[in-house]
Protein backbone atom coordinates (compact mmCIF):
# COMPACT_ATOMS: atom_id res chain seq x y z
CA MET A 1 -0.07 0.08 0.03
CA ASN A 2 2.82 2.45 0.88
CA TYR A 3 4.15 1.79 -2.74
CA LEU A 4 0.75 2.64 -4.22
CA SER A 5 0.40 5.86 -2.32
CA HIS A 6 4.14 7.07 -2.67
CA SER A 7 4.43 7.22 1.00
CA SER A 8 6.90 6.62 3.82
CA PHE A 9 7.38 2.93 4.58
CA LEU A 10 6.78 4.29 8.14
CA ALA A 11 3.53 5.94 7.43
CA HIS A 12 0.49 5.17 9.50
CA SER A 13 -1.90 2.87 7.46
CA ALA A 14 -5.05 4.47 8.48
CA SER A 15 -4.25 7.67 6.60
CA LEU A 16 -3.43 5.68 3.56
CA PHE A 17 -6.51 3.91 3.54
CA LYS A 18 -8.43 7.26 3.49
CA ALA A 19 -5.92 8.86 0.79
CA LEU A 20 -6.83 5.33 -1.15
CA ASN A 21 -10.39 5.61 -0.45
CA ILE A 22 -10.10 1.94 1.06
CA LEU A 23 -11.92 0.43 4.02
CA THR A 24 -10.09 -1.58 6.40
CA ILE A 25 -11.11 -5.19 7.18
CA TYR A 26 -12.91 -4.45 9.97
CA ASP A 27 -14.70 -1.70 8.36
CA LEU A 28 -15.72 -3.89 5.35
CA THR A 29 -16.98 -6.50 8.00
CA HIS A 30 -19.17 -3.69 9.72
CA LEU A 31 -20.47 -2.53 6.21
CA SER A 32 -21.58 -6.06 5.26
CA VAL A 33 -23.39 -6.60 8.63
CA LEU A 34 -24.87 -3.10 8.28
CA VAL A 35 -26.16 -4.13 4.76
CA TYR A 36 -27.78 -7.30 6.40
CA MET A 37 -29.34 -5.21 9.24
CA PHE A 38 -30.74 -2.82 6.44
CA ARG A 39 -32.09 -5.73 4.38
CA ALA A 40 -33.74 -7.28 7.67
CA THR A 41 -35.37 -4.16 8.63
CA ARG A 42 -36.79 -3.77 5.20
CA ASN A 43 -38.19 -7.41 5.17
CA LEU A 44 -35.79 -8.20 2.35
CA LEU A 45 -34.37 -11.39 3.66
CA PRO A 46 -36.11 -14.51 4.29
CA HIS A 47 -38.07 -14.88 7.40
CA LYS A 48 -35.74 -17.30 8.92
CA PHE A 49 -32.84 -14.56 9.09
CA SER A 50 -35.25 -11.71 9.91
CA SER A 51 -36.49 -13.79 13.11
CA TYR A 52 -33.05 -13.56 14.70
CA LEU A 53 -33.67 -9.89 15.23
CA ILE A 54 -35.88 -8.64 17.99
CA HIS A 55 -37.22 -4.95 18.47
CA MET A 56 -37.26 -3.37 21.90
CA ASP A 57 -41.00 -2.76 21.50
CA GLN A 58 -41.57 -6.60 21.44
CA ILE A 59 -40.17 -6.70 24.76
CA HIS A 60 -41.72 -3.93 26.57
CA SER A 61 -45.38 -3.11 26.16
CA HIS A 62 -44.90 0.54 26.93
CA PHE A 63 -43.00 3.18 25.07
CA THR A 64 -39.25 3.65 25.96
CA ARG A 65 -36.52 5.75 24.46
CA GLY A 66 -34.98 2.77 22.77
CA SER A 67 -38.31 1.07 21.60
CA VAL A 68 -37.07 1.70 18.05
CA ASN A 69 -33.96 -0.17 18.34
CA TYR A 70 -33.16 -3.79 18.40
CA ALA A 71 -32.72 -5.65 21.54
CA ILE A 72 -28.80 -6.62 21.73
CA PRO A 73 -28.66 -10.24 23.15
CA PHE A 74 -26.27 -11.31 25.96
CA ALA A 75 -22.88 -12.41 25.16
CA ARG A 76 -20.67 -13.73 27.62
CA THR A 77 -17.80 -14.63 25.09
CA THR A 78 -16.01 -12.72 22.44
CA LEU A 79 -17.00 -15.15 20.08
CA ARG A 80 -20.70 -14.70 20.52
CA MET A 81 -19.96 -11.03 20.48
CA ALA A 82 -18.83 -11.20 16.98
CA SER A 83 -21.78 -13.20 15.93
CA LEU A 84 -24.23 -11.51 13.63
CA GLN A 85 -27.15 -11.86 16.19
CA VAL A 86 -25.16 -9.55 18.54
CA MET A 87 -22.94 -7.29 16.16
CA GLY A 88 -25.88 -6.66 13.97
CA PRO A 89 -28.12 -4.93 16.39
CA ARG A 90 -25.31 -3.38 18.44
CA LEU A 91 -23.73 -1.55 15.15
CA TRP A 92 -27.39 -0.56 13.75
CA ASN A 93 -28.40 0.91 17.13
CA SER A 94 -25.22 2.80 17.08
CA LEU A 95 -26.23 4.62 13.52
CA PRO A 96 -27.38 8.15 13.32
CA THR A 97 -31.07 7.96 12.47
CA HIS A 98 -30.83 9.68 8.99
CA VAL A 99 -28.55 6.68 8.03
CA LYS A 100 -31.05 4.15 9.47
CA GLN A 101 -33.80 5.85 7.19
CA THR A 102 -32.12 5.96 3.80
CA GLN A 103 -34.14 4.32 1.09
CA SER A 104 -31.74 2.41 -0.99
CA ILE A 105 -28.64 -0.01 -0.19
CA CYS A 106 -26.60 2.42 -2.56
CA THR A 107 -27.36 5.44 -0.37
CA LEU A 108 -26.76 3.35 2.83
CA LYS A 109 -23.15 2.30 1.73
CA LYS A 110 -22.28 5.67 0.50
CA GLU A 111 -23.41 7.38 4.12
CA LEU A 112 -21.62 4.38 6.06
CA LYS A 113 -18.34 4.74 4.09
CA LEU A 114 -18.36 8.56 4.89
CA ILE A 115 -18.89 7.73 8.57
CA PHE A 116 -16.00 5.12 8.25
CA PHE A 117 -13.46 7.17 6.54
CA SER A 118 -14.24 10.35 8.97
CA LYS A 119 -12.90 8.01 11.54
CA TYR A 120 -9.49 7.67 9.86
CA LYS A 121 -6.39 9.92 10.67
CA ASP A 122 -5.58 12.57 8.16
CA THR A 123 -1.82 12.80 8.68
CA LEU A 124 0.63 11.41 6.14
CA LEU A 125 4.30 10.93 6.83
């Protein structure tokens, strides 16, 4: 990657990813999980996959601040925390409302990439 960007061998990789408009492997994973969640919220998945997700309003009969969010199941191990049933609701609940309300997958991906790239450092050595 350093060769592609004509940067120093010791340059920090986050700034190189931003300069080349490439997502890190962690952000690619988060992007694919969030696309899954988008499809699940729009009922674009088979019912078997959508049934993994539970809205908070299905748990509480009264209105709460988080009733529009998904319930995050308990995860004792890090392996369970990395599962789609736990990571999906956790990531989806952390998104801003305007991103959750996008109408197309293309717009969602564009908004998510802007969020991910904004977290990368700008400094190049």
